[in-house]
Amino acid sequence: YILNTQNKGERLGIDYKNDEFGQLEIRNYHLTKEDFSFSISYPAGLTLEEILDQLNRIEGYEYEVVSHFKPVYFDKKAPMVEIMKETYEYVTGNDGTPVTTTGGTYAKMMPHIVPFGPSFPGQKGIGHNPNEWMTREDLITNAKIYALTLYQLSRKDTEL
């Protein structure tokens, strides 16, 4: 019933997409004789309460929330985000407009942490797959971006 869907929560009535923050996704299925569990990654703009309200409408099923992390949201114009964007652009010469995902991130574990990771042209969807890879040149570019970003964030005058 759930496994044979597109992993967007359609059959549970929780399919949700936000133009800025992305699509709700269901993944990490674990099926045993006694139990069926899965993870839901949902974008900002939707709340856990809204998801639970919909799940409560489904008859014949019981569920339990084992853990929960709210979606991470930062204003793209926040000073810290602007510094990260400018540093990326300075090092790469590419547009550094921040993008969002619905995936899990270390940033959910601590307040005031912005998930800041590499994304270069032509690499959409390469992360978190079997045989995940990155070229040596991209690793070096990332090191430059991270080092300069940390330096800029530590300064009072943050102009590049």
N, C-alpha and C. Protein backbone atom coordinates (compact mmCIF):
# COMPACT_ATOMS: atom_id res chain seq x y z
N TYR A 1 0.82 -1.21 0.00
CA TYR A 1 0.00 0.00 0.00
C TYR A 1 0.86 1.26 0.00
N ILE A 2 1.89 1.27 0.83
CA ILE A 2 2.77 2.44 0.89
C ILE A 2 4.03 2.22 0.07
N LEU A 3 4.56 1.01 0.12
CA LEU A 3 5.81 0.72 -0.58
C LEU A 3 5.70 0.90 -2.09
N ASN A 4 4.52 0.69 -2.63
CA ASN A 4 4.34 0.75 -4.07
C ASN A 4 3.84 2.13 -4.53
N THR A 5 4.37 3.18 -3.91
CA THR A 5 4.00 4.55 -4.29
C THR A 5 5.27 5.31 -4.66
N GLN A 6 5.11 6.59 -4.93
CA GLN A 6 6.25 7.42 -5.32
C GLN A 6 6.94 8.10 -4.14
N ASN A 7 6.72 7.62 -2.93
CA ASN A 7 7.40 8.11 -1.73
C ASN A 7 7.09 9.57 -1.40
N LYS A 8 5.90 10.04 -1.75
CA LYS A 8 5.53 11.42 -1.48
C LYS A 8 4.34 11.52 -0.53
N GLY A 9 3.89 10.42 0.02
CA GLY A 9 2.80 10.42 0.98
C GLY A 9 1.42 10.52 0.39
N GLU A 10 1.28 10.26 -0.92
CA GLU A 10 -0.03 10.40 -1.56
C GLU A 10 -1.09 9.53 -0.91
N ARG A 11 -0.78 8.26 -0.70
CA ARG A 11 -1.78 7.33 -0.17
C ARG A 11 -2.12 7.60 1.29
N LEU A 12 -1.24 8.30 1.98
CA LEU A 12 -1.52 8.66 3.37
C LEU A 12 -2.20 10.02 3.47
N GLY A 13 -2.33 10.70 2.35
CA GLY A 13 -2.97 12.01 2.36
C GLY A 13 -2.07 13.10 2.90
N ILE A 14 -0.77 12.86 2.92
CA ILE A 14 0.16 13.86 3.45
C ILE A 14 1.10 14.40 2.38
N ASP A 15 0.80 14.14 1.12
CA ASP A 15 1.66 14.68 0.06
C ASP A 15 1.61 16.20 0.12
N TYR A 16 2.76 16.78 0.16
CA TYR A 16 2.87 18.23 0.31
C TYR A 16 4.10 18.70 -0.44
N LYS A 17 3.96 19.77 -1.18
CA LYS A 17 5.10 20.36 -1.88
C LYS A 17 5.05 21.86 -1.69
N ASN A 18 6.21 22.41 -1.43
CA ASN A 18 6.37 23.85 -1.28
C ASN A 18 7.38 24.29 -2.34
N ASP A 19 7.05 25.30 -3.12
CA ASP A 19 7.93 25.72 -4.22
C ASP A 19 9.33 26.07 -3.75
N GLU A 20 9.45 26.66 -2.58
CA GLU A 20 10.77 27.05 -2.09
C GLU A 20 11.48 25.91 -1.35
N PHE A 21 10.74 25.13 -0.59
CA PHE A 21 11.37 24.16 0.31
C PHE A 21 11.32 22.72 -0.16
N GLY A 22 10.59 22.45 -1.22
CA GLY A 22 10.63 21.11 -1.78
C GLY A 22 9.44 20.23 -1.43
N GLN A 23 9.62 18.94 -1.67
CA GLN A 23 8.59 17.91 -1.58
C GLN A 23 8.75 17.08 -0.31
N LEU A 24 7.65 16.76 0.35
CA LEU A 24 7.67 15.79 1.42
C LEU A 24 8.11 14.45 0.85
N GLU A 25 8.93 13.72 1.60
CA GLU A 25 9.41 12.43 1.13
C GLU A 25 9.31 11.40 2.24
N ILE A 26 8.92 10.20 1.86
CA ILE A 26 8.89 9.07 2.80
C ILE A 26 9.99 8.11 2.37
N ARG A 27 10.81 7.68 3.33
CA ARG A 27 11.93 6.80 3.00
C ARG A 27 12.37 6.00 4.21
N ASN A 28 13.43 5.26 4.07
CA ASN A 28 14.01 4.43 5.14
C ASN A 28 12.99 3.42 5.67
N TYR A 29 12.37 2.70 4.76
CA TYR A 29 11.37 1.71 5.13
C TYR A 29 12.02 0.56 5.89
N HIS A 30 11.31 0.08 6.90
CA HIS A 30 11.74 -1.11 7.64
C HIS A 30 10.49 -1.95 7.89
N LEU A 31 10.47 -3.14 7.31
CA LEU A 31 9.30 -3.99 7.38
C LEU A 31 9.66 -5.32 8.04
N THR A 32 8.91 -5.65 9.10
CA THR A 32 9.05 -6.95 9.74
C THR A 32 7.66 -7.57 9.84
N LYS A 33 7.57 -8.78 10.40
CA LYS A 33 6.26 -9.42 10.59
C LYS A 33 5.39 -8.64 11.56
N GLU A 34 6.04 -7.96 12.52
CA GLU A 34 5.28 -7.27 13.56
C GLU A 34 5.13 -5.76 13.33
N ASP A 35 5.96 -5.20 12.47
CA ASP A 35 6.03 -3.75 12.45
C ASP A 35 6.40 -3.24 11.05
N PHE A 36 5.96 -2.03 10.78
CA PHE A 36 6.36 -1.34 9.57
C PHE A 36 6.70 0.09 9.98
N SER A 37 7.91 0.52 9.68
CA SER A 37 8.30 1.88 10.05
C SER A 37 8.92 2.57 8.85
N PHE A 38 8.90 3.89 8.91
CA PHE A 38 9.48 4.71 7.85
C PHE A 38 9.76 6.09 8.40
N SER A 39 10.54 6.83 7.65
CA SER A 39 10.87 8.22 8.00
C SER A 39 10.13 9.16 7.06
N ILE A 40 9.72 10.28 7.60
CA ILE A 40 9.10 11.32 6.79
C ILE A 40 9.97 12.56 6.90
N SER A 41 10.47 13.04 5.78
CA SER A 41 11.17 14.32 5.73
C SER A 41 10.20 15.31 5.10
N TYR A 42 9.90 16.34 5.84
CA TYR A 42 8.93 17.30 5.32
C TYR A 42 9.51 18.70 5.32
N PRO A 43 9.10 19.51 4.34
CA PRO A 43 9.66 20.84 4.19
C PRO A 43 9.03 21.85 5.14
N ALA A 44 9.75 22.96 5.36
CA ALA A 44 9.18 24.08 6.09
C ALA A 44 7.90 24.48 5.37
N GLY A 45 6.96 24.98 6.13
CA GLY A 45 5.65 25.31 5.56
C GLY A 45 4.61 24.29 5.95
N LEU A 46 5.05 23.14 6.46
CA LEU A 46 4.17 22.07 6.95
C LEU A 46 4.61 21.77 8.37
N THR A 47 3.68 21.41 9.24
CA THR A 47 4.03 21.11 10.63
C THR A 47 3.79 19.64 10.94
N LEU A 48 4.43 19.17 11.98
CA LEU A 48 4.21 17.80 12.44
C LEU A 48 2.75 17.61 12.82
N GLU A 49 2.15 18.61 13.44
CA GLU A 49 0.75 18.52 13.84
C GLU A 49 -0.17 18.31 12.64
N GLU A 50 0.11 18.98 11.53
CA GLU A 50 -0.70 18.81 10.33
C GLU A 50 -0.56 17.39 9.77
N ILE A 51 0.64 16.86 9.82
CA ILE A 51 0.86 15.48 9.36
C ILE A 51 0.11 14.51 10.27
N LEU A 52 0.23 14.69 11.58
CA LEU A 52 -0.43 13.78 12.53
C LEU A 52 -1.95 13.88 12.43
N ASP A 53 -2.46 15.09 12.22
CA ASP A 53 -3.91 15.24 12.04
C ASP A 53 -4.41 14.40 10.87
N GLN A 54 -3.67 14.41 9.78
CA GLN A 54 -4.07 13.62 8.62
C GLN A 54 -3.93 12.13 8.90
N LEU A 55 -2.84 11.72 9.52
CA LEU A 55 -2.64 10.29 9.81
C LEU A 55 -3.71 9.77 10.77
N ASN A 56 -4.19 10.61 11.67
CA ASN A 56 -5.24 10.21 12.60
C ASN A 56 -6.56 9.90 11.90
N ARG A 57 -6.74 10.37 10.69
CA ARG A 57 -7.96 10.13 9.93
C ARG A 57 -7.98 8.75 9.27
N ILE A 58 -6.83 8.08 9.25
CA ILE A 58 -6.74 6.78 8.60
C ILE A 58 -7.16 5.71 9.60
N GLU A 59 -8.21 4.98 9.27
CA GLU A 59 -8.73 3.95 10.17
C GLU A 59 -7.96 2.65 10.03
N GLY A 60 -7.81 1.95 11.14
CA GLY A 60 -7.20 0.63 11.11
C GLY A 60 -5.69 0.62 11.29
N TYR A 61 -5.10 1.79 11.52
CA TYR A 61 -3.65 1.85 11.70
C TYR A 61 -3.32 2.57 13.00
N GLU A 62 -2.28 2.12 13.64
CA GLU A 62 -1.72 2.83 14.79
C GLU A 62 -0.33 3.29 14.41
N TYR A 63 0.07 4.41 14.91
CA TYR A 63 1.41 4.90 14.63
C TYR A 63 2.01 5.49 15.88
N GLU A 64 3.32 5.62 15.86
CA GLU A 64 4.06 6.20 16.99
C GLU A 64 5.18 7.06 16.41
N VAL A 65 5.30 8.28 16.90
CA VAL A 65 6.41 9.14 16.51
C VAL A 65 7.58 8.77 17.41
N VAL A 66 8.63 8.23 16.81
CA VAL A 66 9.79 7.77 17.56
C VAL A 66 10.76 8.92 17.81
N SER A 67 10.95 9.75 16.81
CA SER A 67 11.79 10.95 16.97
C SER A 67 11.30 11.99 15.97
N HIS A 68 11.67 13.22 16.24
CA HIS A 68 11.21 14.30 15.37
C HIS A 68 12.23 15.43 15.36
N PHE A 69 12.52 15.91 14.18
CA PHE A 69 13.35 17.10 14.00
C PHE A 69 12.60 18.04 13.08
N LYS A 70 12.41 19.26 13.53
CA LYS A 70 11.72 20.25 12.70
C LYS A 70 12.56 20.58 11.47
N PRO A 71 11.90 20.98 10.39
CA PRO A 71 12.66 21.43 9.22
C PRO A 71 13.52 22.64 9.59
N VAL A 72 14.64 22.76 8.94
CA VAL A 72 15.54 23.89 9.17
C VAL A 72 15.15 25.01 8.22
N TYR A 73 14.99 26.19 8.76
CA TYR A 73 14.67 27.34 7.93
C TYR A 73 15.51 28.53 8.35
N PHE A 74 16.14 29.16 7.39
CA PHE A 74 16.84 30.41 7.61
C PHE A 74 16.47 31.37 6.50
N ASP A 75 16.32 32.62 6.85
CA ASP A 75 16.06 33.65 5.87
C ASP A 75 17.29 33.76 4.96
N LYS A 76 17.07 33.71 3.66
CA LYS A 76 18.19 33.78 2.71
C LYS A 76 18.93 35.11 2.78
N LYS A 77 18.32 36.10 3.41
CA LYS A 77 18.96 37.42 3.55
C LYS A 77 19.63 37.59 4.92
N ALA A 78 19.62 36.55 5.75
CA ALA A 78 20.29 36.64 7.04
C ALA A 78 21.78 36.86 6.83
N PRO A 79 22.43 37.66 7.68
CA PRO A 79 23.86 37.97 7.49
C PRO A 79 24.74 36.73 7.33
N MET A 80 24.52 35.71 8.13
CA MET A 80 25.35 34.51 8.04
C MET A 80 25.16 33.83 6.68
N VAL A 81 23.94 33.76 6.20
CA VAL A 81 23.65 33.13 4.91
C VAL A 81 24.25 33.97 3.78
N GLU A 82 24.16 35.28 3.89
CA GLU A 82 24.75 36.16 2.88
C GLU A 82 26.26 35.94 2.77
N ILE A 83 26.92 35.79 3.90
CA ILE A 83 28.37 35.55 3.89
C ILE A 83 28.68 34.23 3.19
N MET A 84 27.92 33.20 3.48
CA MET A 84 28.13 31.90 2.84
C MET A 84 27.92 32.00 1.33
N LYS A 85 26.88 32.69 0.93
CA LYS A 85 26.58 32.88 -0.49
C LYS A 85 27.71 33.63 -1.18
N GLU A 86 28.13 34.74 -0.59
CA GLU A 86 29.19 35.55 -1.19
C GLU A 86 30.51 34.79 -1.28
N THR A 87 30.81 34.01 -0.27
CA THR A 87 32.05 33.23 -0.29
C THR A 87 32.02 32.18 -1.39
N TYR A 88 30.90 31.47 -1.51
CA TYR A 88 30.75 30.48 -2.58
C TYR A 88 30.96 31.16 -3.93
N GLU A 89 30.33 32.31 -4.14
CA GLU A 89 30.44 33.02 -5.41
C GLU A 89 31.87 33.50 -5.66
N TYR A 90 32.54 33.97 -4.62
CA TYR A 90 33.91 34.47 -4.74
C TYR A 90 34.85 33.35 -5.17
N VAL A 91 34.71 32.18 -4.55
CA VAL A 91 35.62 31.07 -4.84
C VAL A 91 35.30 30.42 -6.19
N THR A 92 34.03 30.24 -6.50
CA THR A 92 33.65 29.47 -7.69
C THR A 92 33.34 30.31 -8.92
N GLY A 93 32.92 31.56 -8.70
CA GLY A 93 32.45 32.36 -9.82
C GLY A 93 31.04 32.00 -10.25
N ASN A 94 30.40 31.07 -9.52
CA ASN A 94 29.04 30.62 -9.83
C ASN A 94 28.02 31.35 -8.97
N ASP A 95 26.76 31.30 -9.39
CA ASP A 95 25.66 31.85 -8.60
C ASP A 95 25.55 31.06 -7.30
N GLY A 96 25.53 31.74 -6.20
CA GLY A 96 25.48 31.08 -4.89
C GLY A 96 24.13 31.17 -4.21
N THR A 97 23.08 31.41 -4.97
CA THR A 97 21.76 31.51 -4.37
C THR A 97 21.46 30.23 -3.58
N PRO A 98 21.14 30.35 -2.30
CA PRO A 98 20.89 29.16 -1.48
C PRO A 98 19.73 28.33 -2.01
N VAL A 99 19.86 27.03 -1.89
CA VAL A 99 18.79 26.10 -2.23
C VAL A 99 18.46 25.29 -1.00
N THR A 100 17.26 24.78 -0.96
CA THR A 100 16.81 24.01 0.19
C THR A 100 16.51 22.58 -0.24
N THR A 101 16.51 21.70 0.75
CA THR A 101 16.13 20.30 0.51
C THR A 101 15.25 19.86 1.67
N THR A 102 14.59 18.75 1.50
CA THR A 102 13.80 18.20 2.60
C THR A 102 14.57 17.12 3.34
N GLY A 103 15.79 16.89 2.95
CA GLY A 103 16.57 15.81 3.55
C GLY A 103 16.99 16.09 4.97
N GLY A 104 17.43 15.04 5.64
CA GLY A 104 17.97 15.19 6.97
C GLY A 104 19.30 15.90 6.92
N THR A 105 19.65 16.59 7.97
CA THR A 105 20.89 17.33 8.02
C THR A 105 21.36 17.47 9.45
N TYR A 106 22.66 17.56 9.63
CA TYR A 106 23.24 17.79 10.95
C TYR A 106 22.70 19.08 11.55
N ALA A 107 22.27 20.02 10.75
CA ALA A 107 21.79 21.31 11.24
C ALA A 107 20.52 21.17 12.08
N LYS A 108 19.83 20.05 11.98
CA LYS A 108 18.63 19.85 12.79
C LYS A 108 18.97 19.55 14.24
N MET A 109 20.22 19.23 14.50
CA MET A 109 20.63 18.83 15.84
C MET A 109 20.98 20.01 16.74
N MET A 110 21.24 21.18 16.17
CA MET A 110 21.65 22.34 16.95
C MET A 110 20.92 23.58 16.46
N PRO A 111 20.53 24.44 17.38
CA PRO A 111 19.88 25.68 16.94
C PRO A 111 20.90 26.61 16.28
N HIS A 112 20.43 27.44 15.38
CA HIS A 112 21.23 28.47 14.72
C HIS A 112 22.35 27.91 13.86
N ILE A 113 22.18 26.72 13.34
CA ILE A 113 23.17 26.14 12.43
C ILE A 113 22.55 26.09 11.04
N VAL A 114 23.26 26.63 10.07
CA VAL A 114 22.79 26.62 8.69
C VAL A 114 23.44 25.45 7.97
N PRO A 115 22.65 24.58 7.34
CA PRO A 115 23.26 23.52 6.54
C PRO A 115 23.93 24.15 5.32
N PHE A 116 25.20 23.95 5.22
CA PHE A 116 25.99 24.60 4.18
C PHE A 116 26.88 23.55 3.56
N GLY A 117 26.51 23.11 2.37
CA GLY A 117 27.28 22.05 1.75
C GLY A 117 27.49 22.31 0.28
N PRO A 118 28.33 21.52 -0.30
CA PRO A 118 28.72 21.73 -1.68
C PRO A 118 27.64 21.34 -2.67
N SER A 119 27.50 22.15 -3.66
CA SER A 119 26.64 21.83 -4.78
C SER A 119 27.20 22.59 -5.96
N PHE A 120 27.69 21.85 -6.93
CA PHE A 120 28.27 22.47 -8.10
C PHE A 120 27.42 22.16 -9.32
N PRO A 121 27.51 22.99 -10.33
CA PRO A 121 26.72 22.74 -11.55
C PRO A 121 26.91 21.31 -12.06
N GLY A 122 25.79 20.69 -12.42
CA GLY A 122 25.82 19.34 -12.97
C GLY A 122 25.84 18.23 -11.94
N GLN A 123 25.75 18.56 -10.66
CA GLN A 123 25.84 17.54 -9.62
C GLN A 123 24.53 17.29 -8.89
N LYS A 124 23.42 17.74 -9.38
CA LYS A 124 22.15 17.54 -8.69
C LYS A 124 21.86 16.06 -8.51
N GLY A 125 21.59 15.66 -7.29
CA GLY A 125 21.17 14.29 -7.02
C GLY A 125 22.28 13.27 -6.89
N ILE A 126 23.54 13.71 -6.76
CA ILE A 126 24.62 12.71 -6.65
C ILE A 126 24.88 12.29 -5.21
N GLY A 127 24.43 13.07 -4.24
CA GLY A 127 24.72 12.78 -2.85
C GLY A 127 23.88 11.66 -2.28
N HIS A 128 24.42 11.00 -1.27
CA HIS A 128 23.72 9.97 -0.51
C HIS A 128 23.22 8.82 -1.37
N ASN A 129 23.98 8.48 -2.36
CA ASN A 129 23.68 7.33 -3.21
C ASN A 129 24.81 6.31 -3.08
N PRO A 130 24.56 5.09 -3.49
CA PRO A 130 25.66 4.12 -3.50
C PRO A 130 26.81 4.68 -4.34
N ASN A 131 28.01 4.45 -3.87
CA ASN A 131 29.21 4.93 -4.57
C ASN A 131 29.23 6.44 -4.72
N GLU A 132 28.74 7.12 -3.69
CA GLU A 132 28.77 8.58 -3.70
C GLU A 132 30.18 9.05 -4.02
N TRP A 133 30.31 10.09 -4.80
CA TRP A 133 31.62 10.51 -5.26
C TRP A 133 31.74 12.03 -5.34
N MET A 134 32.97 12.47 -5.41
CA MET A 134 33.29 13.87 -5.68
C MET A 134 34.71 13.89 -6.23
N THR A 135 34.97 14.74 -7.18
CA THR A 135 36.31 14.79 -7.76
C THR A 135 37.29 15.45 -6.80
N ARG A 136 38.56 15.20 -7.00
CA ARG A 136 39.60 15.82 -6.18
C ARG A 136 39.52 17.34 -6.29
N GLU A 137 39.28 17.85 -7.49
CA GLU A 137 39.18 19.30 -7.69
C GLU A 137 38.02 19.88 -6.89
N ASP A 138 36.90 19.17 -6.86
CA ASP A 138 35.75 19.64 -6.08
C ASP A 138 36.05 19.61 -4.59
N LEU A 139 36.77 18.61 -4.13
CA LEU A 139 37.16 18.56 -2.71
C LEU A 139 38.04 19.76 -2.35
N ILE A 140 38.96 20.10 -3.21
CA ILE A 140 39.84 21.25 -2.97
C ILE A 140 39.02 22.54 -2.98
N THR A 141 38.11 22.67 -3.95
CA THR A 141 37.25 23.85 -4.00
C THR A 141 36.42 23.96 -2.73
N ASN A 142 35.88 22.83 -2.25
CA ASN A 142 35.11 22.85 -1.00
C ASN A 142 35.96 23.32 0.17
N ALA A 143 37.19 22.82 0.24
CA ALA A 143 38.08 23.23 1.34
C ALA A 143 38.30 24.74 1.31
N LYS A 144 38.48 25.30 0.12
CA LYS A 144 38.65 26.75 -0.01
C LYS A 144 37.39 27.49 0.45
N ILE A 145 36.24 27.00 0.01
CA ILE A 145 34.97 27.64 0.38
C ILE A 145 34.79 27.59 1.89
N TYR A 146 34.98 26.43 2.49
CA TYR A 146 34.78 26.30 3.93
C TYR A 146 35.77 27.16 4.71
N ALA A 147 37.03 27.15 4.32
CA ALA A 147 38.05 27.92 5.04
C ALA A 147 37.74 29.41 4.97
N LEU A 148 37.44 29.91 3.77
CA LEU A 148 37.15 31.33 3.62
C LEU A 148 35.85 31.70 4.33
N THR A 149 34.87 30.83 4.28
CA THR A 149 33.60 31.11 4.97
C THR A 149 33.82 31.22 6.47
N LEU A 150 34.54 30.28 7.06
CA LEU A 150 34.81 30.34 8.49
C LEU A 150 35.59 31.61 8.85
N TYR A 151 36.55 31.95 8.02
CA TYR A 151 37.31 33.18 8.24
C TYR A 151 36.39 34.39 8.21
N GLN A 152 35.55 34.48 7.18
CA GLN A 152 34.64 35.62 7.03
C GLN A 152 33.63 35.69 8.18
N LEU A 153 33.14 34.54 8.62
CA LEU A 153 32.18 34.54 9.73
C LEU A 153 32.84 34.97 11.04
N SER A 154 34.13 34.77 11.17
CA SER A 154 34.82 35.12 12.41
C SER A 154 35.21 36.60 12.49
N ARG A 155 35.12 37.28 11.37
CA ARG A 155 35.51 38.70 11.32
C ARG A 155 34.32 39.61 11.61
N LYS A 156 34.64 40.78 12.17
CA LYS A 156 33.58 41.78 12.36
C LYS A 156 33.26 42.45 11.04
N ASP A 157 34.29 42.75 10.26
CA ASP A 157 34.12 43.34 8.92
C ASP A 157 34.14 42.17 7.95
N THR A 158 33.00 41.88 7.35
CA THR A 158 32.89 40.66 6.57
C THR A 158 32.90 40.86 5.06
N GLU A 159 33.43 41.97 4.59
CA GLU A 159 33.48 42.18 3.14
C GLU A 159 34.51 41.27 2.51
N LEU A 160 34.21 40.74 1.33
CA LEU A 160 35.16 39.89 0.60
C LEU A 160 36.15 40.74 -0.15
